Amino acid sequence: MIGKNENCGGGSGSSGMLKRAQVALRLGVCERTVSRMVAAGEFPRPVKVRRAARWPESDVDRFLGGSRGAL
C-alpha cells in the first residue's frame, strides 16, 4: 500500500529527504519557525526537489547533534 500516505506520521520516507512539517516535528517547532531559522542562517537551506523544499535527513541530524544536542 505505497501511495500518497507513505510519509504520514512524521516518517522520513525512503528518500532521506524531509518535508518542512517533518523537519518541524524533529526540531519541536512550528513550520513557520523552520522558515525563520533558514532565513536567519540558523538552519541549513532546503534543497529544491522540483518546486518543493526538502531537507536531507543527514543535514537535520547533523544540526540536532551539533547545535541542539548541547541543550
PDB file of N, CA and C in Angstrom:
ATOM      1  N   MET A   1       0.815  -1.181   0.000  1.00  0.00           N
ATOM      2  CA  MET A   1       0.000   0.000   0.000  1.00  0.00           C
ATOM      3  C   MET A   1       0.864   1.252   0.000  1.00  0.00           C
ATOM      4  N   ILE A   2       1.714   1.413  -0.960  1.00  0.00           N
ATOM      5  CA  ILE A   2       2.519   2.621  -1.058  1.00  0.00           C
ATOM      6  C   ILE A   2       1.747   3.613  -1.914  1.00  0.00           C
ATOM      7  N   GLY A   3       1.598   4.812  -1.386  1.00  0.00           N
ATOM      8  CA  GLY A   3       0.851   5.825  -2.115  1.00  0.00           C
ATOM      9  C   GLY A   3       1.040   7.180  -1.475  1.00  0.00           C
ATOM     10  N   LYS A   4       0.014   7.978  -1.529  1.00  0.00           N
ATOM     11  CA  LYS A   4       0.085   9.343  -1.019  1.00  0.00           C
ATOM     12  C   LYS A   4       0.359   9.412   0.471  1.00  0.00           C
ATOM     13  N   ASN A   5      -0.008   8.413   1.227  1.00  0.00           N
ATOM     14  CA  ASN A   5       0.116   8.463   2.675  1.00  0.00           C
ATOM     15  C   ASN A   5       1.415   7.866   3.206  1.00  0.00           C
ATOM     16  N   GLU A   6       2.372   7.583   2.337  1.00  0.00           N
ATOM     17  CA  GLU A   6       3.584   6.916   2.795  1.00  0.00           C
ATOM     18  C   GLU A   6       4.412   7.775   3.752  1.00  0.00           C
ATOM     19  N   ASN A   7       4.289   9.097   3.697  1.00  0.00           N
ATOM     20  CA  ASN A   7       5.055   9.966   4.579  1.00  0.00           C
ATOM     21  C   ASN A   7       4.238  10.495   5.752  1.00  0.00           C
ATOM     22  N   CYS A   8       3.041  10.005   5.950  1.00  0.00           N
ATOM     23  CA  CYS A   8       2.223  10.463   7.065  1.00  0.00           C
ATOM     24  C   CYS A   8       2.826  10.002   8.383  1.00  0.00           C
ATOM     25  N   GLY A   9       2.584  10.758   9.425  1.00  0.00           N
ATOM     26  CA  GLY A   9       3.057  10.372  10.737  1.00  0.00           C
ATOM     27  C   GLY A   9       4.458  10.837  11.040  1.00  0.00           C
ATOM     28  N   GLY A  10       5.023  11.720  10.216  1.00  0.00           N
ATOM     29  CA  GLY A  10       6.329  12.275  10.510  1.00  0.00           C
ATOM     30  C   GLY A  10       7.500  11.405  10.120  1.00  0.00           C
ATOM     31  N   GLY A  11       7.252  10.313   9.416  1.00  0.00           N
ATOM     32  CA  GLY A  11       8.359   9.465   8.989  1.00  0.00           C
ATOM     33  C   GLY A  11       9.177  10.162   7.924  1.00  0.00           C
ATOM     34  N   SER A  12      10.365   9.674   7.696  1.00  0.00           N
ATOM     35  CA  SER A  12      11.244  10.340   6.746  1.00  0.00           C
ATOM     36  C   SER A  12      11.051   9.851   5.313  1.00  0.00           C
ATOM     37  N   GLY A  13      10.261   8.809   5.114  1.00  0.00           N
ATOM     38  CA  GLY A  13      10.110   8.264   3.776  1.00  0.00           C
ATOM     39  C   GLY A  13      11.359   7.493   3.390  1.00  0.00           C
ATOM     40  N   SER A  14      11.390   6.981   2.200  1.00  0.00           N
ATOM     41  CA  SER A  14      12.517   6.163   1.789  1.00  0.00           C
ATOM     42  C   SER A  14      13.621   6.975   1.130  1.00  0.00           C
ATOM     43  N   SER A  15      13.355   8.235   0.791  1.00  0.00           N
ATOM     44  CA  SER A  15      14.325   9.007   0.033  1.00  0.00           C
ATOM     45  C   SER A  15      15.360   9.708   0.903  1.00  0.00           C
ATOM     46  N   GLY A  16      15.128   9.813   2.200  1.00  0.00           N
ATOM     47  CA  GLY A  16      16.053  10.530   3.055  1.00  0.00           C
ATOM     48  C   GLY A  16      15.873  12.031   2.984  1.00  0.00           C
ATOM     49  N   MET A  17      14.808  12.483   2.326  1.00  0.00           N
ATOM     50  CA  MET A  17      14.501  13.897   2.213  1.00  0.00           C
ATOM     51  C   MET A  17      13.254  14.191   3.046  1.00  0.00           C
ATOM     52  N   LEU A  18      13.328  15.258   3.833  1.00  0.00           N
ATOM     53  CA  LEU A  18      12.241  15.594   4.744  1.00  0.00           C
ATOM     54  C   LEU A  18      11.487  16.835   4.300  1.00  0.00           C
ATOM     55  N   LYS A  19      10.185  16.798   4.483  1.00  0.00           N
ATOM     56  CA  LYS A  19       9.338  17.963   4.228  1.00  0.00           C
ATOM     57  C   LYS A  19       9.458  18.926   5.405  1.00  0.00           C
ATOM     58  N   ARG A  20       9.033  20.173   5.185  1.00  0.00           N
ATOM     59  CA  ARG A  20       9.092  21.190   6.233  1.00  0.00           C
ATOM     60  C   ARG A  20       8.358  20.737   7.501  1.00  0.00           C
ATOM     61  N   ALA A  21       7.213  20.107   7.353  1.00  0.00           N
ATOM     62  CA  ALA A  21       6.454  19.635   8.513  1.00  0.00           C
ATOM     63  C   ALA A  21       7.229  18.570   9.288  1.00  0.00           C
ATOM     64  N   GLN A  22       7.925  17.692   8.570  1.00  0.00           N
ATOM     65  CA  GLN A  22       8.711  16.650   9.223  1.00  0.00           C
ATOM     66  C   GLN A  22       9.908  17.250   9.957  1.00  0.00           C
ATOM     67  N   VAL A  23      10.534  18.264   9.339  1.00  0.00           N
ATOM     68  CA  VAL A  23      11.653  18.948   9.985  1.00  0.00           C
ATOM     69  C   VAL A  23      11.163  19.626  11.261  1.00  0.00           C
ATOM     70  N   ALA A  24      10.025  20.302  11.171  1.00  0.00           N
ATOM     71  CA  ALA A  24       9.462  20.996  12.329  1.00  0.00           C
ATOM     72  C   ALA A  24       9.193  20.026  13.477  1.00  0.00           C
ATOM     73  N   LEU A  25       8.657  18.862  13.166  1.00  0.00           N
ATOM     74  CA  LEU A  25       8.402  17.855  14.200  1.00  0.00           C
ATOM     75  C   LEU A  25       9.691  17.422  14.883  1.00  0.00           C
ATOM     76  N   ARG A  26      10.721  17.190  14.097  1.00  0.00           N
ATOM     77  CA  ARG A  26      12.008  16.764  14.674  1.00  0.00           C
ATOM     78  C   ARG A  26      12.623  17.833  15.559  1.00  0.00           C
ATOM     79  N   LEU A  27      12.462  19.094  15.153  1.00  0.00           N
ATOM     80  CA  LEU A  27      13.040  20.190  15.921  1.00  0.00           C
ATOM     81  C   LEU A  27      12.165  20.607  17.099  1.00  0.00           C
ATOM     82  N   GLY A  28      10.906  20.210  17.071  1.00  0.00           N
ATOM     83  CA  GLY A  28       9.983  20.606  18.136  1.00  0.00           C
ATOM     84  C   GLY A  28       9.532  22.052  18.004  1.00  0.00           C
ATOM     85  N   VAL A  29       9.423  22.513  16.754  1.00  0.00           N
ATOM     86  CA  VAL A  29       8.986  23.878  16.487  1.00  0.00           C
ATOM     87  C   VAL A  29       7.897  23.838  15.423  1.00  0.00           C
ATOM     88  N   CYS A  30       7.304  25.000  15.135  1.00  0.00           N
ATOM     89  CA  CYS A  30       6.302  25.049  14.073  1.00  0.00           C
ATOM     90  C   CYS A  30       6.989  25.244  12.725  1.00  0.00           C
ATOM     91  N   GLU A  31       6.258  25.014  11.658  1.00  0.00           N
ATOM     92  CA  GLU A  31       6.813  25.129  10.314  1.00  0.00           C
ATOM     93  C   GLU A  31       7.301  26.545  10.032  1.00  0.00           C
ATOM     94  N   ARG A  32       6.603  27.526  10.528  1.00  0.00           N
ATOM     95  CA  ARG A  32       6.998  28.930  10.326  1.00  0.00           C
ATOM     96  C   ARG A  32       8.363  29.194  10.968  1.00  0.00           C
ATOM     97  N   THR A  33       8.603  28.599  12.122  1.00  0.00           N
ATOM     98  CA  THR A  33       9.892  28.777  12.794  1.00  0.00           C
ATOM     99  C   THR A  33      11.021  28.176  11.971  1.00  0.00           C
ATOM    100  N   VAL A  34      10.768  27.064  11.305  1.00  0.00           N
ATOM    101  CA  VAL A  34      11.786  26.476  10.421  1.00  0.00           C
ATOM    102  C   VAL A  34      12.142  27.494   9.350  1.00  0.00           C
ATOM    103  N   SER A  35      11.143  28.115   8.750  1.00  0.00           N
ATOM    104  CA  SER A  35      11.389  29.124   7.714  1.00  0.00           C
ATOM    105  C   SER A  35      12.181  30.302   8.268  1.00  0.00           C
ATOM    106  N   ARG A  36      11.841  30.738   9.458  1.00  0.00           N
ATOM    107  CA  ARG A  36      12.562  31.851  10.083  1.00  0.00           C
ATOM    108  C   ARG A  36      14.014  31.482  10.367  1.00  0.00           C
ATOM    109  N   MET A  37      14.238  30.265  10.829  1.00  0.00           N
ATOM    110  CA  MET A  37      15.599  29.807  11.123  1.00  0.00           C
ATOM    111  C   MET A  37      16.449  29.765   9.854  1.00  0.00           C
ATOM    112  N   VAL A  38      15.854  29.312   8.751  1.00  0.00           N
ATOM    113  CA  VAL A  38      16.573  29.265   7.475  1.00  0.00           C
ATOM    114  C   VAL A  38      16.912  30.696   7.039  1.00  0.00           C
ATOM    115  N   ALA A  39      15.940  31.598   7.119  1.00  0.00           N
ATOM    116  CA  ALA A  39      16.143  32.990   6.701  1.00  0.00           C
ATOM    117  C   ALA A  39      17.230  33.669   7.532  1.00  0.00           C
ATOM    118  N   ALA A  40      17.323  33.305   8.805  1.00  0.00           N
ATOM    119  CA  ALA A  40      18.317  33.906   9.702  1.00  0.00           C
ATOM    120  C   ALA A  40      19.678  33.223   9.599  1.00  0.00           C
ATOM    121  N   GLY A  41      19.764  32.158   8.805  1.00  0.00           N
ATOM    122  CA  GLY A  41      21.023  31.438   8.664  1.00  0.00           C
ATOM    123  C   GLY A  41      21.322  30.515   9.830  1.00  0.00           C
ATOM    124  N   GLU A  42      20.307  30.197  10.616  1.00  0.00           N
ATOM    125  CA  GLU A  42      20.469  29.350  11.795  1.00  0.00           C
ATOM    126  C   GLU A  42      20.218  27.875  11.501  1.00  0.00           C
ATOM    127  N   PHE A  43      19.722  27.580  10.312  1.00  0.00           N
ATOM    128  CA  PHE A  43      19.382  26.208   9.935  1.00  0.00           C
ATOM    129  C   PHE A  43      19.735  26.036   8.457  1.00  0.00           C
ATOM    130  N   PRO A  44      20.141  24.837   8.045  1.00  0.00           N
ATOM    131  CA  PRO A  44      20.512  24.614   6.639  1.00  0.00           C
ATOM    132  C   PRO A  44      19.388  24.960   5.665  1.00  0.00           C
ATOM    133  N   ARG A  45      19.769  25.495   4.533  1.00  0.00           N
ATOM    134  CA  ARG A  45      18.805  25.817   3.486  1.00  0.00           C
ATOM    135  C   ARG A  45      18.285  24.520   2.865  1.00  0.00           C
ATOM    136  N   PRO A  46      17.038  24.537   2.425  1.00  0.00           N
ATOM    137  CA  PRO A  46      16.493  23.335   1.787  1.00  0.00           C
ATOM    138  C   PRO A  46      17.042  23.143   0.384  1.00  0.00           C
ATOM    139  N   VAL A  47      16.874  21.931  -0.094  1.00  0.00           N
ATOM    140  CA  VAL A  47      17.202  21.580  -1.470  1.00  0.00           C
ATOM    141  C   VAL A  47      15.884  21.619  -2.227  1.00  0.00           C
ATOM    142  N   LYS A  48      15.887  22.153  -3.416  1.00  0.00           N
ATOM    143  CA  LYS A  48      14.660  22.178  -4.227  1.00  0.00           C
ATOM    144  C   LYS A  48      14.528  20.857  -4.973  1.00  0.00           C
ATOM    145  N   VAL A  49      13.421  20.190  -4.770  1.00  0.00           N
ATOM    146  CA  VAL A  49      13.081  18.974  -5.490  1.00  0.00           C
ATOM    147  C   VAL A  49      11.844  19.320  -6.290  1.00  0.00           C
ATOM    148  N   ARG A  50      12.049  19.471  -7.578  1.00  0.00           N
ATOM    149  CA  ARG A  50      11.058  20.079  -8.466  1.00  0.00           C
ATOM    150  C   ARG A  50      10.822  21.480  -7.935  1.00  0.00           C
ATOM    151  N   ARG A  51       9.653  21.790  -7.413  1.00  0.00           N
ATOM    152  CA  ARG A  51       9.436  23.126  -6.845  1.00  0.00           C
ATOM    153  C   ARG A  51       9.230  23.068  -5.336  1.00  0.00           C
ATOM    154  N   ALA A  52       9.461  21.933  -4.748  1.00  0.00           N
ATOM    155  CA  ALA A  52       9.230  21.753  -3.313  1.00  0.00           C
ATOM    156  C   ALA A  52      10.544  21.832  -2.536  1.00  0.00           C
ATOM    157  N   ALA A  53      10.458  22.389  -1.339  1.00  0.00           N
ATOM    158  CA  ALA A  53      11.623  22.475  -0.453  1.00  0.00           C
ATOM    159  C   ALA A  53      11.738  21.170   0.333  1.00  0.00           C
ATOM    160  N   ARG A  54      12.919  20.577   0.328  1.00  0.00           N
ATOM    161  CA  ARG A  54      13.182  19.349   1.078  1.00  0.00           C
ATOM    162  C   ARG A  54      14.541  19.480   1.751  1.00  0.00           C
ATOM    163  N   TRP A  55      14.665  18.883   2.923  1.00  0.00           N
ATOM    164  CA  TRP A  55      15.929  18.874   3.648  1.00  0.00           C
ATOM    165  C   TRP A  55      16.469  17.462   3.694  1.00  0.00           C
ATOM    166  N   PRO A  56      17.742  17.286   3.365  1.00  0.00           N
ATOM    167  CA  PRO A  56      18.342  15.961   3.536  1.00  0.00           C
ATOM    168  C   PRO A  56      18.302  15.576   5.021  1.00  0.00           C
ATOM    169  N   GLU A  57      17.892  14.379   5.286  1.00  0.00           N
ATOM    170  CA  GLU A  57      17.786  13.903   6.664  1.00  0.00           C
ATOM    171  C   GLU A  57      19.127  14.042   7.386  1.00  0.00           C
ATOM    172  N   SER A  58      20.220  13.853   6.662  1.00  0.00           N
ATOM    173  CA  SER A  58      21.547  13.966   7.270  1.00  0.00           C
ATOM    174  C   SER A  58      21.831  15.386   7.754  1.00  0.00           C
ATOM    175  N   ASP A  59      21.348  16.407   7.025  1.00  0.00           N
ATOM    176  CA  ASP A  59      21.521  17.798   7.462  1.00  0.00           C
ATOM    177  C   ASP A  59      20.782  18.060   8.763  1.00  0.00           C
ATOM    178  N   VAL A  60      19.566  17.546   8.859  1.00  0.00           N
ATOM    179  CA  VAL A  60      18.762  17.743  10.072  1.00  0.00           C
ATOM    180  C   VAL A  60      19.410  17.010  11.245  1.00  0.00           C
ATOM    181  N   ASP A  61      19.857  15.777  11.017  1.00  0.00           N
ATOM    182  CA  ASP A  61      20.520  15.009  12.079  1.00  0.00           C
ATOM    183  C   ASP A  61      21.805  15.705  12.554  1.00  0.00           C
ATOM    184  N   ARG A  62      22.553  16.244  11.618  1.00  0.00           N
ATOM    185  CA  ARG A  62      23.782  16.953  11.951  1.00  0.00           C
ATOM    186  C   ARG A  62      23.469  18.191  12.801  1.00  0.00           C
ATOM    187  N   PHE A  63      22.435  18.917  12.425  1.00  0.00           N
ATOM    188  CA  PHE A  63      22.006  20.097  13.176  1.00  0.00           C
ATOM    189  C   PHE A  63      21.607  19.703  14.596  1.00  0.00           C
ATOM    190  N   LEU A  64      20.815  18.659  14.706  1.00  0.00           N
ATOM    191  CA  LEU A  64      20.356  18.220  16.025  1.00  0.00           C
ATOM    192  C   LEU A  64      21.510  17.710  16.883  1.00  0.00           C
ATOM    193  N   GLY A  65      22.454  17.040  16.280  1.00  0.00           N
ATOM    194  CA  GLY A  65      23.590  16.508  17.005  1.00  0.00           C
ATOM    195  C   GLY A  65      24.574  17.576  17.416  1.00  0.00           C
ATOM    196  N   GLY A  66      24.652  18.649  16.654  1.00  0.00           N
ATOM    197  CA  GLY A  66      25.610  19.714  16.920  1.00  0.00           C
ATOM    198  C   GLY A  66      25.051  20.806  17.816  1.00  0.00           C
ATOM    199  N   SER A  67      24.295  21.699  17.221  1.00  0.00           N
ATOM    200  CA  SER A  67      23.862  22.888  17.951  1.00  0.00           C
ATOM    201  C   SER A  67      22.737  22.619  18.940  1.00  0.00           C
ATOM    202  N   ARG A  68      21.822  21.725  18.613  1.00  0.00           N
ATOM    203  CA  ARG A  68      20.689  21.488  19.517  1.00  0.00           C
ATOM    204  C   ARG A  68      21.005  20.389  20.536  1.00  0.00           C
ATOM    205  N   GLY A  69      21.963  19.524  20.239  1.00  0.00           N
ATOM    206  CA  GLY A  69      22.257  18.411  21.136  1.00  0.00           C
ATOM    207  C   GLY A  69      22.841  18.847  22.464  1.00  0.00           C
ATOM    208  N   ALA A  70      23.409  20.041  22.516  1.00  0.00           N
ATOM    209  CA  ALA A  70      24.021  20.512  23.749  1.00  0.00           C
ATOM    210  C   ALA A  70      23.020  21.140  24.716  1.00  0.00           C
ATOM    211  N   LEU A  71      21.787  21.325  24.247  1.00  0.00           N
ATOM    212  CA  LEU A  71      20.779  21.951  25.108  1.00  0.00           C
ATOM    213  C   LEU A  71      20.345  21.056  26.232  1.00  0.00           C
TER     214      LEU A  71
END
